[in-house]
Amino acid sequence: MWFTLDLLASRPDEAAMIVLALDTCFARCAACLFESAGARVLAEESLAMERGHAEVLAPMAARLLAQAKLQPSDIRRVAVTTGPGTFTGLRIGLSFARAFGLANSIPVIGLDTLQAVALGAGGEHPFIVHKAGQSGYYYCLEAARGDQITLLSLGEVEDRLAAKPILVLGTAADVFSGHEGLRRNHKLDLPVLARLAAYAAVVDAPDAMPEPVYVRAPDAKPQAVAKVAIKLSGPSDAETMSRLHNACFAQGWSAADIVAMLAVPGTQGLVGETDHQIVSVLIIRNIMGEAEVLTLATAPMLRRQGHGAKLLGKLDELARGAGIKTIFLEVAESNAAAQGLYAHAGFVVSGRRKGYYARNNGVAEDAILMKKVFPA
């Protein structure tokens, strides 16, 4: 994890690539174009700002491409900070990164803001500390102990730093700069995007798009799930359903795939809509009273807000009306959140399929089989 830029540049086994790195998690909007072959920054820009990232980020990226005389198709990876940070800022950066990655069919590598700051310290293992809004707490990462972010009080941070000669970085580092033996480098308090881009150039491409990192509940209140309308989908929804599916899965389905799937007898699609925008998708196939969930997907920025549970609740209504006795599904062994969702909806584990999911790293992952039986 703790690469130096020289080490990253000296790996001859890695193909040279151009990376677009983005950071909008704190009080700035920043972007960088980086060429991994010579560990070279082609163009970069940073603007201090509390809000307004949505209006600034896309034009900033366009200016960097023009300055470097590049086209979007020249970019091979996108790197983006995933939080913690300002709730709106990090969502804008992630949304732009994912959209850019999808539009150009390239991997998007996410890294939390504290690890991204630690990359800037090169081979040193700093203590990183950011203020957690107005909560009175601090996001902290002790690089020497690994990559686990903790949420600590003022006193707890002071105890961790007591009599410890260490480099302290982050937007709240000055709060503790008076402690004996602590060292500071204000230039490294925010992620160094060249380091983030260099990191993104050599890590394995992920299987899914990055998601936001929240250590505490966001200040903004998400839209209530009660305002989501569930309806049966049709061919006219296929394009939007495809975009959502590709945002959720590394090998997402095309609109043509979805149209062909829905044309198979016994297949139905459900979509959840908010303000007439599709935010969740479920497709099921029923054959003689036994049904299979072919996919369930929720927009990454809206997960853990009850959208999947609402679709599964509607599925129960459809199943009872259609005389379905059993519903089956498969879920990746590593996807604990989805397994919890299905278990809460009444599904139980019924088996395992070895090596069912192919992954980009060449290691296949097992599928956990689950089923739900409706009483006669």
Protein backbone atom coordinates (compact mmCIF):
# COMPACT_ATOMS: atom_id res chain seq x y z
CA MET A 1 0.00 0.00 0.00
CA TRP A 2 2.70 2.50 0.95
CA PHE A 3 4.31 2.93 -2.46
CA THR A 4 6.78 5.67 -3.32
CA LEU A 5 6.43 7.39 -6.65
CA ASP A 6 9.87 6.13 -7.77
CA LEU A 7 8.88 2.56 -6.97
CA LEU A 8 5.66 2.88 -8.90
CA ALA A 9 7.49 4.30 -11.92
CA SER A 10 10.06 1.52 -11.90
CA ARG A 11 7.74 -1.43 -12.39
CA PRO A 12 8.51 -2.57 -15.96
CA ASP A 13 5.83 -5.27 -15.87
CA GLU A 14 3.06 -2.69 -15.79
CA ALA A 15 1.82 -1.22 -19.08
CA ALA A 16 2.20 2.55 -19.36
CA MET A 17 -1.05 4.42 -19.06
CA ILE A 18 -2.57 7.85 -18.55
CA VAL A 19 -4.65 8.25 -15.40
CA LEU A 20 -7.15 10.97 -14.52
CA ALA A 21 -7.11 11.54 -10.74
CA LEU A 22 -9.85 13.47 -8.93
CA ASP A 23 -10.45 14.77 -5.40
CA THR A 24 -13.52 16.67 -4.22
CA CYS A 25 -13.82 15.33 -0.68
CA PHE A 26 -12.70 18.38 1.28
CA ALA A 27 -12.75 22.11 0.64
CA ARG A 28 -11.28 21.92 -2.85
CA CYS A 29 -11.88 20.63 -6.35
CA ALA A 30 -8.74 19.08 -7.86
CA ALA A 31 -7.83 17.04 -10.91
CA CYS A 32 -4.62 15.69 -12.39
CA LEU A 33 -3.56 13.94 -15.60
CA PHE A 34 -0.67 11.57 -14.93
CA GLU A 35 1.44 9.43 -17.28
CA SER A 36 2.71 6.33 -15.52
CA ALA A 37 5.54 5.58 -17.98
CA GLY A 38 7.73 8.36 -16.64
CA ALA A 39 5.82 9.16 -13.44
CA ARG A 40 5.00 12.48 -15.10
CA VAL A 41 2.22 14.98 -14.40
CA LEU A 42 0.82 16.13 -17.74
CA ALA A 43 -1.56 18.73 -16.33
CA GLU A 44 -3.17 19.50 -12.98
CA GLU A 45 -5.45 22.07 -11.41
CA SER A 46 -6.80 22.70 -7.93
CA LEU A 47 -9.35 25.20 -6.67
CA ALA A 48 -10.17 25.85 -3.02
CA MET A 49 -13.94 25.82 -2.56
CA GLU A 50 -16.57 24.83 -0.01
CA ARG A 51 -19.38 24.13 -2.50
CA GLY A 52 -20.12 24.28 -6.22
CA HIS A 53 -18.01 21.24 -7.21
CA ALA A 54 -20.69 20.07 -9.66
CA GLU A 55 -20.29 23.21 -11.78
CA VAL A 56 -16.48 23.18 -11.65
CA LEU A 57 -15.28 19.58 -11.98
CA ALA A 58 -16.25 18.73 -15.58
CA PRO A 59 -14.88 22.01 -17.07
CA MET A 60 -11.70 21.50 -15.04
CA ALA A 61 -11.19 18.02 -16.50
CA ALA A 62 -11.86 19.38 -19.99
CA ARG A 63 -9.23 22.09 -19.51
CA LEU A 64 -6.65 19.51 -18.43
CA LEU A 65 -7.34 17.35 -21.47
CA ALA A 66 -6.98 20.37 -23.74
CA GLN A 67 -3.76 21.45 -22.03
CA ALA A 68 -2.27 17.97 -22.41
CA LYS A 69 -3.59 17.67 -25.98
CA LEU A 70 -5.47 14.50 -25.11
CA GLN A 71 -8.90 13.06 -25.81
CA PRO A 72 -11.08 11.28 -23.21
CA SER A 73 -10.34 8.03 -25.07
CA ASP A 74 -6.64 8.43 -24.18
CA ILE A 75 -7.39 7.94 -20.49
CA ARG A 76 -6.90 4.35 -19.33
CA ARG A 77 -7.98 4.66 -15.69
CA VAL A 78 -9.73 7.07 -13.36
CA ALA A 79 -8.64 7.46 -9.72
CA VAL A 80 -10.95 9.14 -7.23
CA THR A 81 -11.07 9.77 -3.49
CA THR A 82 -14.09 8.15 -1.86
CA GLY A 83 -14.35 9.93 1.50
CA PRO A 84 -14.77 10.50 4.31
CA GLY A 85 -15.21 14.17 3.59
CA THR A 86 -17.93 16.63 2.75
CA PHE A 87 -21.06 14.66 1.90
CA THR A 88 -21.96 16.56 -1.29
CA GLY A 89 -18.39 16.97 -2.51
CA LEU A 90 -17.46 13.31 -2.37
CA ARG A 91 -20.72 12.27 -4.09
CA ILE A 92 -20.02 14.66 -6.97
CA GLY A 93 -16.47 13.38 -7.44
CA LEU A 94 -17.59 9.76 -7.36
CA SER A 95 -20.50 10.38 -9.74
CA PHE A 96 -18.25 12.11 -12.27
CA ALA A 97 -15.57 9.41 -12.00
CA ARG A 98 -18.08 6.61 -12.51
CA ALA A 99 -19.75 8.35 -15.42
CA PHE A 100 -16.37 8.99 -17.08
CA GLY A 101 -15.35 5.36 -16.52
CA LEU A 102 -18.60 3.98 -17.92
CA ALA A 103 -18.55 6.28 -20.94
CA ASN A 104 -15.01 5.22 -21.83
CA SER A 105 -15.18 1.59 -20.64
CA ILE A 106 -12.21 1.96 -18.28
CA PRO A 107 -11.63 0.95 -14.64
CA VAL A 108 -12.37 3.42 -11.84
CA ILE A 109 -10.11 3.03 -8.80
CA GLY A 110 -11.34 4.47 -5.52
CA LEU A 111 -9.28 5.13 -2.41
CA ASP A 112 -10.41 6.69 0.85
CA THR A 113 -9.10 10.17 1.58
CA LEU A 114 -6.90 9.20 4.52
CA GLN A 115 -5.06 6.46 2.64
CA ALA A 116 -4.74 8.89 -0.27
CA VAL A 117 -3.07 11.42 2.05
CA ALA A 118 -0.77 8.68 3.38
CA LEU A 119 0.38 7.94 -0.19
CA GLY A 120 1.75 11.50 -0.33
CA ALA A 121 4.16 10.71 2.50
CA GLY A 122 6.01 8.18 0.37
CA GLY A 123 7.64 5.47 2.48
CA GLU A 124 6.87 7.19 5.78
CA HIS A 125 3.95 6.08 7.97
CA PRO A 126 2.17 9.25 9.10
CA PHE A 127 -0.74 9.81 11.46
CA ILE A 128 -3.57 11.41 9.46
CA VAL A 129 -6.35 13.37 11.12
CA HIS A 130 -9.34 15.21 9.59
CA LYS A 131 -12.16 16.98 11.39
CA ALA A 132 -15.48 15.10 11.16
CA GLY A 133 -17.77 18.03 10.40
CA GLN A 134 -19.21 19.71 13.48
CA SER A 135 -19.37 16.49 15.50
CA GLY A 136 -16.34 17.25 17.67
CA TYR A 137 -14.72 14.02 16.49
CA TYR A 138 -11.87 13.32 14.07
CA TYR A 139 -11.34 10.84 11.26
CA CYS A 140 -7.97 9.22 11.95
CA LEU A 141 -5.64 6.73 10.31
CA GLU A 142 -2.41 5.44 11.81
CA ALA A 143 -0.57 4.29 8.71
CA ALA A 144 1.85 2.13 10.67
CA ARG A 145 -1.10 0.07 11.96
CA GLY A 146 -2.78 -0.53 8.62
CA ASP A 147 -5.60 1.10 6.70
CA GLN A 148 -8.46 1.09 9.21
CA ILE A 149 -10.10 4.52 9.66
CA THR A 150 -11.24 5.31 13.20
CA LEU A 151 -13.49 8.06 14.56
CA LEU A 152 -11.84 9.50 17.69
CA SER A 153 -12.52 12.28 20.17
CA LEU A 154 -10.04 15.09 20.80
CA GLY A 155 -8.75 13.39 23.93
CA GLU A 156 -8.40 10.04 22.21
CA VAL A 157 -6.31 11.58 19.42
CA GLU A 158 -4.09 13.33 21.96
CA ASP A 159 -3.57 10.04 23.78
CA ARG A 160 -2.55 8.31 20.55
CA LEU A 161 -0.06 11.06 19.75
CA ALA A 162 1.42 11.40 23.25
CA ALA A 163 5.25 11.25 23.21
CA LYS A 164 5.19 9.80 19.72
CA PRO A 165 7.66 11.41 17.24
CA ILE A 166 5.64 11.12 14.06
CA LEU A 167 4.61 13.04 10.96
CA VAL A 168 1.04 14.32 11.42
CA LEU A 169 -0.97 15.22 8.30
CA GLY A 170 -4.52 16.21 7.48
CA THR A 171 -6.90 19.15 7.63
CA ALA A 172 -7.04 18.97 11.45
CA ALA A 173 -3.34 18.28 12.02
CA ASP A 174 -2.64 21.84 13.20
CA VAL A 175 -4.92 21.23 16.20
CA PHE A 176 -2.25 18.87 17.54
CA SER A 177 0.91 20.51 16.15
CA GLY A 178 1.94 21.81 19.58
CA HIS A 179 2.60 18.32 20.89
CA GLU A 180 6.27 17.62 21.49
CA GLY A 181 8.03 15.63 18.80
CA LEU A 182 5.31 15.89 16.14
CA ARG A 183 6.33 16.94 12.65
CA ARG A 184 4.22 18.76 10.07
CA ASN A 185 4.18 19.19 6.29
CA HIS A 186 1.27 21.42 5.24
CA LYS A 187 1.81 20.58 1.56
CA LEU A 188 0.72 16.99 2.22
CA ASP A 189 -2.46 17.65 4.24
CA LEU A 190 -4.65 16.87 1.21
CA PRO A 191 -4.17 13.97 -1.24
CA VAL A 192 -1.33 14.42 -3.70
CA LEU A 193 -3.08 13.46 -6.91
CA ALA A 194 0.08 12.38 -8.73
CA ARG A 195 0.63 9.79 -5.99
CA LEU A 196 -3.01 8.69 -6.15
CA ALA A 197 -2.78 8.34 -9.94
CA ALA A 198 0.47 6.36 -9.68
CA TYR A 199 -1.18 4.02 -7.20
CA ALA A 200 -4.20 3.58 -9.49
CA ALA A 201 -1.93 2.73 -12.41
CA VAL A 202 -0.50 -0.39 -10.76
CA VAL A 203 -3.29 -1.90 -8.63
CA ASP A 204 -5.56 -4.60 -10.01
CA ALA A 205 -8.70 -3.29 -11.70
CA PRO A 206 -11.67 -3.68 -9.34
CA ASP A 207 -14.72 -5.81 -10.08
CA ALA A 208 -17.15 -2.98 -9.29
CA MET A 209 -17.37 0.78 -9.15
CA PRO A 210 -16.09 2.45 -5.96
CA GLU A 211 -18.58 3.46 -3.29
CA PRO A 212 -18.48 6.35 -0.81
CA VAL A 213 -16.81 5.85 2.56
CA TYR A 214 -18.89 7.13 5.47
CA VAL A 215 -17.56 6.84 9.02
CA ARG A 216 -20.61 8.59 10.46
CA ALA A 217 -24.11 9.37 9.26
CA PRO A 218 -24.15 12.09 6.57
CA ASP A 219 -25.40 15.55 7.43
CA ALA A 220 -27.71 15.52 4.42
CA LYS A 221 -30.85 13.45 4.72
CA PRO A 222 -31.38 11.00 1.84
CA GLN A 223 -34.71 10.93 0.14
CA ALA A 224 -37.15 8.69 1.97
CA VAL A 225 -37.68 5.29 0.39
CA ALA A 226 -41.42 5.80 0.84
CA LYS A 227 -41.25 8.21 -2.09
CA VAL A 228 -39.96 5.50 -4.41
CA ALA A 229 -42.55 4.13 -6.86
CA ILE A 230 -42.26 0.46 -7.88
CA LYS A 231 -43.53 -0.51 -11.33
CA LEU A 232 -43.21 -3.26 -13.90
CA SER A 233 -40.52 -2.48 -16.46
CA GLY A 234 -40.80 -2.64 -20.23
CA PRO A 235 -38.52 -2.43 -23.29
CA SER A 236 -38.55 1.37 -23.10
CA ASP A 237 -36.76 1.14 -19.74
CA ALA A 238 -33.99 -1.11 -21.04
CA GLU A 239 -31.43 1.63 -21.75
CA THR A 240 -31.72 3.13 -18.27
CA MET A 241 -31.76 -0.31 -16.66
CA SER A 242 -28.57 -1.16 -18.56
CA ARG A 243 -26.77 1.96 -17.36
CA LEU A 244 -27.71 1.16 -13.79
CA HIS A 245 -26.65 -2.47 -14.13
CA ASN A 246 -23.27 -1.47 -15.54
CA ALA A 247 -22.75 0.97 -12.68
CA CYS A 248 -23.25 -1.91 -10.24
CA PHE A 249 -21.47 -4.83 -11.91
CA ALA A 250 -18.15 -5.20 -13.71
CA GLN A 251 -19.84 -7.23 -16.47
CA GLY A 252 -23.11 -5.38 -16.75
CA TRP A 253 -25.84 -6.15 -19.26
CA SER A 254 -26.51 -4.16 -22.40
CA ALA A 255 -29.93 -2.76 -23.27
CA ALA A 256 -30.23 -5.47 -25.94
CA ASP A 257 -29.48 -8.13 -23.32
CA ILE A 258 -32.26 -6.81 -21.10
CA VAL A 259 -34.80 -6.55 -23.94
CA ALA A 260 -34.06 -10.15 -24.97
CA MET A 261 -34.30 -11.32 -21.37
CA LEU A 262 -37.65 -9.65 -20.76
CA ALA A 263 -39.00 -11.22 -23.97
CA VAL A 264 -38.55 -14.74 -22.54
CA PRO A 265 -41.91 -16.08 -21.27
CA GLY A 266 -42.18 -15.94 -17.49
CA THR A 267 -39.65 -13.10 -17.15
CA GLN A 268 -40.61 -9.85 -15.46
CA GLY A 269 -38.71 -6.76 -14.47
CA LEU A 270 -39.40 -4.41 -11.59
CA VAL A 271 -37.90 -0.93 -11.28
CA GLY A 272 -37.90 1.58 -8.45
CA GLU A 273 -38.29 5.21 -9.51
CA THR A 274 -37.56 8.45 -7.67
CA ASP A 275 -38.61 11.66 -9.41
CA HIS A 276 -39.20 9.55 -12.56
CA GLN A 277 -35.57 8.30 -12.46
CA ILE A 278 -34.90 4.56 -12.20
CA VAL A 279 -32.78 3.93 -9.10
CA SER A 280 -33.22 0.16 -8.61
CA VAL A 281 -33.86 -2.90 -10.78
CA LEU A 282 -34.99 -6.48 -10.17
CA ILE A 283 -35.51 -9.13 -12.87
CA ILE A 284 -37.14 -12.48 -12.12
CA ARG A 285 -37.99 -15.55 -14.22
CA ASN A 286 -40.90 -17.84 -13.27
CA ILE A 287 -41.19 -21.37 -14.65
CA MET A 288 -44.08 -23.48 -13.41
CA GLY A 289 -44.21 -22.04 -9.91
CA GLU A 290 -40.47 -21.85 -9.32
CA ALA A 291 -38.80 -18.47 -9.86
CA GLU A 292 -35.22 -17.22 -9.99
CA VAL A 293 -33.97 -13.72 -9.27
CA LEU A 294 -31.74 -12.97 -12.27
CA THR A 295 -30.46 -9.67 -10.90
CA LEU A 296 -31.07 -7.08 -8.19
CA ALA A 297 -29.27 -3.74 -8.45
CA THR A 298 -29.51 -0.40 -6.66
CA ALA A 299 -27.75 2.79 -7.76
CA PRO A 300 -24.43 2.78 -5.84
CA MET A 301 -25.00 6.21 -4.28
CA LEU A 302 -28.39 5.07 -2.88
CA ARG A 303 -27.48 1.76 -1.30
CA ARG A 304 -28.36 0.89 2.30
CA GLN A 305 -31.46 3.10 2.13
CA GLY A 306 -34.05 0.35 1.73
CA HIS A 307 -34.47 0.35 -2.06
CA GLY A 308 -33.59 -3.33 -2.44
CA ALA A 309 -35.91 -4.29 0.41
CA LYS A 310 -38.75 -2.37 -1.23
CA LEU A 311 -38.26 -4.29 -4.50
CA LEU A 312 -38.18 -7.60 -2.65
CA GLY A 313 -41.39 -6.65 -0.86
CA LYS A 314 -43.09 -6.01 -4.19
CA LEU A 315 -41.68 -9.29 -5.47
CA ASP A 316 -43.47 -11.10 -2.64
CA GLU A 317 -46.77 -9.60 -3.79
CA LEU A 318 -46.15 -10.70 -7.38
CA ALA A 319 -45.08 -14.19 -6.30
CA ARG A 320 -48.21 -14.80 -4.27
CA GLY A 321 -50.42 -13.49 -7.07
CA ALA A 322 -48.70 -15.72 -9.63
CA GLY A 323 -48.79 -18.84 -7.47
CA ILE A 324 -44.99 -19.00 -7.12
CA LYS A 325 -43.99 -21.52 -4.45
CA THR A 326 -40.21 -21.00 -4.30
CA ILE A 327 -37.79 -18.23 -5.31
CA PHE A 328 -34.09 -19.01 -5.85
CA LEU A 329 -31.07 -16.72 -6.23
CA GLU A 330 -27.28 -16.67 -6.21
CA VAL A 331 -25.08 -14.10 -4.47
CA ALA A 332 -21.30 -13.70 -4.32
CA GLU A 333 -19.73 -15.14 -1.18
CA SER A 334 -17.98 -11.82 -0.49
CA ASN A 335 -21.19 -9.77 -0.77
CA ALA A 336 -22.20 -9.84 2.89
CA ALA A 337 -24.49 -6.82 2.52
CA ALA A 338 -26.60 -8.52 -0.17
CA GLN A 339 -26.72 -11.76 1.81
CA GLY A 340 -28.00 -9.79 4.81
CA LEU A 341 -30.65 -8.11 2.67
CA TYR A 342 -31.91 -11.43 1.33
CA ALA A 343 -31.88 -13.06 4.76
CA HIS A 344 -33.95 -10.19 6.14
CA ALA A 345 -36.42 -10.76 3.29
CA GLY A 346 -36.86 -14.42 4.29
CA PHE A 347 -34.28 -16.18 2.08
CA VAL A 348 -32.17 -18.97 3.57
CA VAL A 349 -28.87 -20.48 2.41
CA SER A 350 -29.48 -23.66 0.40
CA GLY A 351 -26.08 -24.45 -1.12
CA ARG A 352 -22.93 -23.25 -2.84
CA ARG A 353 -21.57 -23.16 -6.39
CA LYS A 354 -17.79 -23.36 -6.47
CA GLY A 355 -15.99 -20.86 -8.71
CA TYR A 356 -19.24 -19.48 -10.14
CA TYR A 357 -18.15 -15.84 -10.54
CA ALA A 358 -15.16 -15.02 -12.77
CA ARG A 359 -13.10 -12.11 -11.43
CA ASN A 360 -10.60 -9.77 -13.09
CA ASN A 361 -7.77 -11.11 -10.93
CA GLY A 362 -8.27 -14.56 -12.43
CA VAL A 363 -9.51 -16.09 -9.17
CA ALA A 364 -13.08 -17.37 -9.36
CA GLU A 365 -15.45 -16.70 -6.45
CA ASP A 366 -18.04 -19.05 -5.02
CA ALA A 367 -21.76 -18.27 -5.24
CA ILE A 368 -23.97 -18.73 -2.20
CA LEU A 369 -27.34 -20.23 -3.16
CA MET A 370 -30.40 -18.96 -1.31
CA LYS A 371 -34.11 -19.70 -1.55
CA LYS A 372 -37.41 -18.53 -0.16
CA VAL A 373 -40.35 -20.92 0.17
CA PHE A 374 -43.89 -19.61 0.39
CA PRO A 375 -46.29 -21.57 2.61
CA ALA A 376 -48.96 -23.53 0.79
